Each structure stands twice: as structure tokens, then as C-alpha cells.
Amino acid sequence: MAYFLLALAVLAETTGTALIDSTDGFTKIGPTLVTLGCYALSFYLLAVVVKLMPVHIAYALWAAAGILIITAVSVLFFKASLNWQTVLGLAFLIVGVFMVNYYGQLH
């Protein structure tokens, strides 16, 4: 259940981040309310998740998944390009999250 809620938190956070440009600097009320609602839902779900798993693991997964998803959205929908250094950094991110999850449970 914790991982399902965490996935919903990531989905809410990345939706809010993807929509932030549509707020026009928080001057458009509709997109602003949706964006803020997504962030509020994300933090609420993250708060629930940290009752079910250690905060360092939940936050590492939440943050890394958000970065990876927003990067993919940027490439696919906003035509951003990635250089090899960025791809390497994303690979390090994945390895780091794996290490936090695998070794973080042993303490």
C-alpha cells in the first residue's frame, strides 16, 4: 500500500510540475489552483507514506521519480534535448535510489 500511495504522490507532484508553466507566473487562477492542488495532494500523500516507510527511502523515491518523469515529459512533449552528461546524471540518480533502498533497510 505504501508504494501505491507513493506512486500517487509522485503522479500528483509531476502533474503539478508539468502544469506550472500554464499558470503564467500564478496569474491564471484556474491553472494555479490545479497546480497548487496537485502539490498539496502530493505532500499529503507523502506524509501518509512516511508513516508506512522510513522517510529517507520515501523521499529518495519520490524525488528521483519526479526528476525522471519530468525529464521524460520535457523530452517527449516540450522537445527538450539531453546531452550525455545529463543522461549520466540520471543514471547516477537511479543507482543512488537503488542504493538508498537496498542499503537503507539494513540499519
N, C-alpha and C. Protein backbone atom coordinates (compact mmCIF):
# COMPACT_ATOMS: atom_id res chain seq x y z
N MET A 1 0.82 -1.20 0.00
CA MET A 1 0.00 0.00 0.00
C MET A 1 0.86 1.26 0.00
N ALA A 2 2.00 1.22 0.70
CA ALA A 2 2.87 2.39 0.78
C ALA A 2 3.39 2.78 -0.60
N TYR A 3 3.79 1.79 -1.38
CA TYR A 3 4.34 2.10 -2.70
C TYR A 3 3.26 2.61 -3.66
N PHE A 4 2.04 2.13 -3.51
CA PHE A 4 0.93 2.64 -4.32
C PHE A 4 0.66 4.10 -3.98
N LEU A 5 0.60 4.42 -2.69
CA LEU A 5 0.38 5.81 -2.28
C LEU A 5 1.54 6.71 -2.71
N LEU A 6 2.75 6.16 -2.65
CA LEU A 6 3.91 6.93 -3.09
C LEU A 6 3.83 7.19 -4.60
N ALA A 7 3.39 6.21 -5.36
CA ALA A 7 3.22 6.41 -6.80
C ALA A 7 2.18 7.50 -7.08
N LEU A 8 1.10 7.52 -6.31
CA LEU A 8 0.10 8.58 -6.47
C LEU A 8 0.68 9.94 -6.10
N ALA A 9 1.51 9.98 -5.06
CA ALA A 9 2.16 11.24 -4.67
C ALA A 9 3.07 11.74 -5.78
N VAL A 10 3.82 10.84 -6.38
CA VAL A 10 4.70 11.21 -7.49
C VAL A 10 3.88 11.70 -8.68
N LEU A 11 2.80 11.01 -8.98
CA LEU A 11 1.94 11.41 -10.09
C LEU A 11 1.37 12.81 -9.85
N ALA A 12 0.93 13.08 -8.64
CA ALA A 12 0.39 14.41 -8.32
C ALA A 12 1.47 15.48 -8.44
N GLU A 13 2.65 15.18 -7.92
CA GLU A 13 3.75 16.16 -7.95
C GLU A 13 4.19 16.45 -9.38
N THR A 14 4.33 15.41 -10.18
CA THR A 14 4.79 15.63 -11.54
C THR A 14 3.71 16.30 -12.40
N THR A 15 2.46 16.03 -12.11
CA THR A 15 1.38 16.73 -12.81
C THR A 15 1.43 18.22 -12.49
N GLY A 16 1.59 18.53 -11.21
CA GLY A 16 1.70 19.93 -10.81
C GLY A 16 2.89 20.62 -11.46
N THR A 17 4.01 19.92 -11.50
CA THR A 17 5.21 20.50 -12.10
C THR A 17 5.03 20.70 -13.60
N ALA A 18 4.42 19.73 -14.27
CA ALA A 18 4.19 19.86 -15.71
C ALA A 18 3.23 21.00 -16.03
N LEU A 19 2.32 21.30 -15.11
CA LEU A 19 1.32 22.35 -15.35
C LEU A 19 1.78 23.74 -14.91
N ILE A 20 2.89 23.82 -14.21
CA ILE A 20 3.28 25.10 -13.61
C ILE A 20 3.47 26.21 -14.66
N ASP A 21 3.94 25.84 -15.84
CA ASP A 21 4.12 26.85 -16.88
C ASP A 21 2.79 27.46 -17.32
N SER A 22 1.73 26.66 -17.27
CA SER A 22 0.41 27.14 -17.69
C SER A 22 -0.19 28.16 -16.72
N THR A 23 0.41 28.30 -15.53
CA THR A 23 -0.10 29.28 -14.56
C THR A 23 0.29 30.70 -14.92
N ASP A 24 1.26 30.84 -15.84
CA ASP A 24 1.76 32.16 -16.25
C ASP A 24 2.20 32.97 -15.02
N GLY A 25 3.07 32.35 -14.23
CA GLY A 25 3.58 33.03 -13.03
C GLY A 25 2.51 33.17 -11.95
N PHE A 26 1.62 32.19 -11.87
CA PHE A 26 0.50 32.18 -10.91
C PHE A 26 -0.45 33.36 -11.12
N THR A 27 -0.58 33.81 -12.36
CA THR A 27 -1.52 34.89 -12.66
C THR A 27 -2.83 34.35 -13.25
N LYS A 28 -2.85 33.11 -13.68
CA LYS A 28 -4.07 32.49 -14.20
C LYS A 28 -4.66 31.60 -13.11
N ILE A 29 -5.83 31.96 -12.63
CA ILE A 29 -6.39 31.34 -11.43
C ILE A 29 -6.68 29.85 -11.60
N GLY A 30 -7.26 29.45 -12.72
CA GLY A 30 -7.60 28.04 -12.92
C GLY A 30 -6.39 27.12 -12.88
N PRO A 31 -5.43 27.35 -13.77
CA PRO A 31 -4.22 26.51 -13.74
C PRO A 31 -3.46 26.61 -12.41
N THR A 32 -3.49 27.78 -11.79
CA THR A 32 -2.82 27.94 -10.49
C THR A 32 -3.46 27.05 -9.44
N LEU A 33 -4.78 27.03 -9.39
CA LEU A 33 -5.48 26.20 -8.40
C LEU A 33 -5.23 24.72 -8.64
N VAL A 34 -5.21 24.31 -9.90
CA VAL A 34 -4.94 22.90 -10.21
C VAL A 34 -3.50 22.55 -9.81
N THR A 35 -2.56 23.41 -10.15
CA THR A 35 -1.15 23.16 -9.81
C THR A 35 -0.96 23.08 -8.31
N LEU A 36 -1.49 24.04 -7.58
CA LEU A 36 -1.37 24.03 -6.12
C LEU A 36 -2.09 22.84 -5.51
N GLY A 37 -3.23 22.46 -6.08
CA GLY A 37 -3.95 21.29 -5.61
C GLY A 37 -3.13 20.02 -5.79
N CYS A 38 -2.47 19.92 -6.93
CA CYS A 38 -1.60 18.75 -7.18
C CYS A 38 -0.47 18.68 -6.16
N TYR A 39 0.16 19.83 -5.90
CA TYR A 39 1.24 19.85 -4.91
C TYR A 39 0.72 19.52 -3.51
N ALA A 40 -0.43 20.05 -3.15
CA ALA A 40 -1.00 19.76 -1.83
C ALA A 40 -1.31 18.27 -1.69
N LEU A 41 -1.91 17.69 -2.71
CA LEU A 41 -2.21 16.26 -2.68
C LEU A 41 -0.92 15.45 -2.58
N SER A 42 0.09 15.85 -3.32
CA SER A 42 1.36 15.14 -3.30
C SER A 42 1.97 15.14 -1.90
N PHE A 43 2.01 16.30 -1.26
CA PHE A 43 2.60 16.37 0.08
C PHE A 43 1.75 15.65 1.11
N TYR A 44 0.43 15.69 0.95
CA TYR A 44 -0.43 14.93 1.86
C TYR A 44 -0.13 13.44 1.75
N LEU A 45 -0.10 12.94 0.51
CA LEU A 45 0.18 11.52 0.31
C LEU A 45 1.58 11.15 0.80
N LEU A 46 2.54 12.02 0.58
CA LEU A 46 3.90 11.75 1.09
C LEU A 46 3.90 11.68 2.61
N ALA A 47 3.12 12.53 3.25
CA ALA A 47 3.02 12.49 4.72
C ALA A 47 2.41 11.18 5.20
N VAL A 48 1.45 10.66 4.46
CA VAL A 48 0.87 9.36 4.81
C VAL A 48 1.89 8.25 4.59
N VAL A 49 2.61 8.34 3.49
CA VAL A 49 3.61 7.30 3.15
C VAL A 49 4.69 7.20 4.22
N VAL A 50 5.14 8.33 4.76
CA VAL A 50 6.24 8.26 5.74
C VAL A 50 5.80 7.67 7.07
N LYS A 51 4.51 7.44 7.24
CA LYS A 51 4.05 6.65 8.39
C LYS A 51 4.25 5.16 8.14
N LEU A 52 4.38 4.80 6.87
CA LEU A 52 4.44 3.39 6.48
C LEU A 52 5.83 2.91 6.09
N MET A 53 6.73 3.86 5.78
CA MET A 53 8.11 3.50 5.43
C MET A 53 9.02 4.62 5.91
N PRO A 54 10.31 4.34 6.06
CA PRO A 54 11.24 5.37 6.51
C PRO A 54 11.26 6.57 5.57
N VAL A 55 11.36 7.74 6.15
CA VAL A 55 11.30 8.97 5.36
C VAL A 55 12.42 9.06 4.34
N HIS A 56 13.62 8.57 4.68
CA HIS A 56 14.73 8.68 3.73
C HIS A 56 14.48 7.84 2.48
N ILE A 57 13.81 6.74 2.62
CA ILE A 57 13.50 5.91 1.46
C ILE A 57 12.35 6.52 0.66
N ALA A 58 11.31 6.94 1.36
CA ALA A 58 10.16 7.55 0.67
C ALA A 58 10.57 8.79 -0.09
N TYR A 59 11.35 9.65 0.54
CA TYR A 59 11.74 10.89 -0.12
C TYR A 59 12.68 10.65 -1.28
N ALA A 60 13.60 9.70 -1.13
CA ALA A 60 14.52 9.39 -2.23
C ALA A 60 13.74 8.90 -3.44
N LEU A 61 12.78 8.02 -3.23
CA LEU A 61 11.97 7.52 -4.33
C LEU A 61 11.11 8.63 -4.94
N TRP A 62 10.48 9.43 -4.09
CA TRP A 62 9.59 10.50 -4.53
C TRP A 62 10.36 11.52 -5.37
N ALA A 63 11.49 11.96 -4.86
CA ALA A 63 12.27 12.98 -5.56
C ALA A 63 12.86 12.44 -6.87
N ALA A 64 13.44 11.27 -6.82
CA ALA A 64 14.06 10.71 -8.02
C ALA A 64 13.02 10.40 -9.09
N ALA A 65 11.91 9.81 -8.70
CA ALA A 65 10.86 9.51 -9.67
C ALA A 65 10.34 10.79 -10.31
N GLY A 66 10.19 11.83 -9.50
CA GLY A 66 9.75 13.11 -10.04
C GLY A 66 10.72 13.67 -11.06
N ILE A 67 12.00 13.61 -10.75
CA ILE A 67 13.01 14.11 -11.69
C ILE A 67 12.99 13.31 -12.98
N LEU A 68 12.94 11.99 -12.87
CA LEU A 68 12.95 11.15 -14.07
C LEU A 68 11.70 11.36 -14.91
N ILE A 69 10.54 11.46 -14.28
CA ILE A 69 9.29 11.64 -15.03
C ILE A 69 9.26 13.02 -15.70
N ILE A 70 9.62 14.07 -14.95
CA ILE A 70 9.60 15.41 -15.54
C ILE A 70 10.62 15.51 -16.68
N THR A 71 11.75 14.86 -16.55
CA THR A 71 12.72 14.85 -17.64
C THR A 71 12.13 14.17 -18.87
N ALA A 72 11.48 13.03 -18.66
CA ALA A 72 10.85 12.33 -19.79
C ALA A 72 9.75 13.17 -20.43
N VAL A 73 8.92 13.81 -19.60
CA VAL A 73 7.86 14.68 -20.13
C VAL A 73 8.46 15.84 -20.92
N SER A 74 9.53 16.41 -20.39
CA SER A 74 10.19 17.52 -21.09
C SER A 74 10.72 17.11 -22.45
N VAL A 75 11.29 15.93 -22.52
CA VAL A 75 11.84 15.44 -23.79
C VAL A 75 10.71 15.09 -24.76
N LEU A 76 9.70 14.41 -24.27
CA LEU A 76 8.62 13.93 -25.15
C LEU A 76 7.66 15.02 -25.60
N PHE A 77 7.31 15.93 -24.70
CA PHE A 77 6.26 16.89 -25.01
C PHE A 77 6.76 18.31 -25.25
N PHE A 78 7.88 18.67 -24.61
CA PHE A 78 8.38 20.04 -24.74
C PHE A 78 9.65 20.10 -25.59
N LYS A 79 10.00 18.97 -26.21
CA LYS A 79 11.13 18.89 -27.15
C LYS A 79 12.47 19.29 -26.54
N ALA A 80 12.63 19.04 -25.25
CA ALA A 80 13.93 19.27 -24.62
C ALA A 80 14.91 18.20 -25.11
N SER A 81 16.18 18.54 -25.12
CA SER A 81 17.18 17.55 -25.51
C SER A 81 18.12 17.30 -24.33
N LEU A 82 18.66 16.11 -24.30
CA LEU A 82 19.56 15.72 -23.22
C LEU A 82 20.95 15.48 -23.78
N ASN A 83 21.95 16.01 -23.11
CA ASN A 83 23.32 15.69 -23.50
C ASN A 83 23.78 14.46 -22.70
N TRP A 84 24.93 13.96 -23.02
CA TRP A 84 25.38 12.73 -22.38
C TRP A 84 25.62 12.92 -20.89
N GLN A 85 26.01 14.14 -20.49
CA GLN A 85 26.24 14.40 -19.07
C GLN A 85 24.93 14.31 -18.27
N THR A 86 23.85 14.80 -18.87
CA THR A 86 22.55 14.71 -18.22
C THR A 86 22.09 13.27 -18.11
N VAL A 87 22.27 12.51 -19.17
CA VAL A 87 21.90 11.10 -19.16
C VAL A 87 22.72 10.36 -18.10
N LEU A 88 24.00 10.66 -18.02
CA LEU A 88 24.84 10.04 -17.00
C LEU A 88 24.35 10.41 -15.60
N GLY A 89 24.00 11.67 -15.40
CA GLY A 89 23.47 12.10 -14.11
C GLY A 89 22.19 11.38 -13.74
N LEU A 90 21.32 11.18 -14.72
CA LEU A 90 20.09 10.43 -14.46
C LEU A 90 20.38 8.97 -14.12
N ALA A 91 21.38 8.40 -14.77
CA ALA A 91 21.78 7.04 -14.43
C ALA A 91 22.32 6.97 -13.00
N PHE A 92 23.12 7.95 -12.61
CA PHE A 92 23.61 8.00 -11.23
C PHE A 92 22.44 8.14 -10.25
N LEU A 93 21.45 8.90 -10.63
CA LEU A 93 20.27 9.07 -9.79
C LEU A 93 19.58 7.72 -9.55
N ILE A 94 19.42 6.96 -10.61
CA ILE A 94 18.79 5.64 -10.49
C ILE A 94 19.62 4.73 -9.60
N VAL A 95 20.92 4.71 -9.81
CA VAL A 95 21.81 3.89 -8.98
C VAL A 95 21.74 4.34 -7.52
N GLY A 96 21.72 5.65 -7.30
CA GLY A 96 21.66 6.17 -5.93
C GLY A 96 20.38 5.78 -5.23
N VAL A 97 19.26 5.86 -5.92
CA VAL A 97 17.98 5.47 -5.30
C VAL A 97 17.98 3.97 -4.98
N PHE A 98 18.52 3.18 -5.89
CA PHE A 98 18.63 1.75 -5.62
C PHE A 98 19.46 1.51 -4.35
N MET A 99 20.59 2.20 -4.24
CA MET A 99 21.45 2.01 -3.07
C MET A 99 20.76 2.45 -1.78
N VAL A 100 20.05 3.56 -1.81
CA VAL A 100 19.33 4.02 -0.63
C VAL A 100 18.29 2.99 -0.22
N ASN A 101 17.57 2.46 -1.19
CA ASN A 101 16.53 1.46 -0.88
C ASN A 101 17.13 0.16 -0.40
N TYR A 102 18.17 -0.30 -1.05
CA TYR A 102 18.76 -1.60 -0.70
C TYR A 102 19.52 -1.55 0.61
N TYR A 103 20.39 -0.57 0.75
CA TYR A 103 21.23 -0.50 1.94
C TYR A 103 20.58 0.27 3.07
N GLY A 104 19.60 1.11 2.78
CA GLY A 104 18.94 1.88 3.82
C GLY A 104 18.09 1.03 4.73
N GLN A 105 17.69 -0.15 4.29
CA GLN A 105 16.87 -1.06 5.10
C GLN A 105 17.70 -1.84 6.12
N LEU A 106 19.00 -1.84 5.95
CA LEU A 106 19.85 -2.70 6.79
C LEU A 106 20.19 -2.11 8.15
N HIS A 107 19.89 -0.85 8.37
CA HIS A 107 20.26 -0.22 9.64
C HIS A 107 19.34 -0.63 10.75
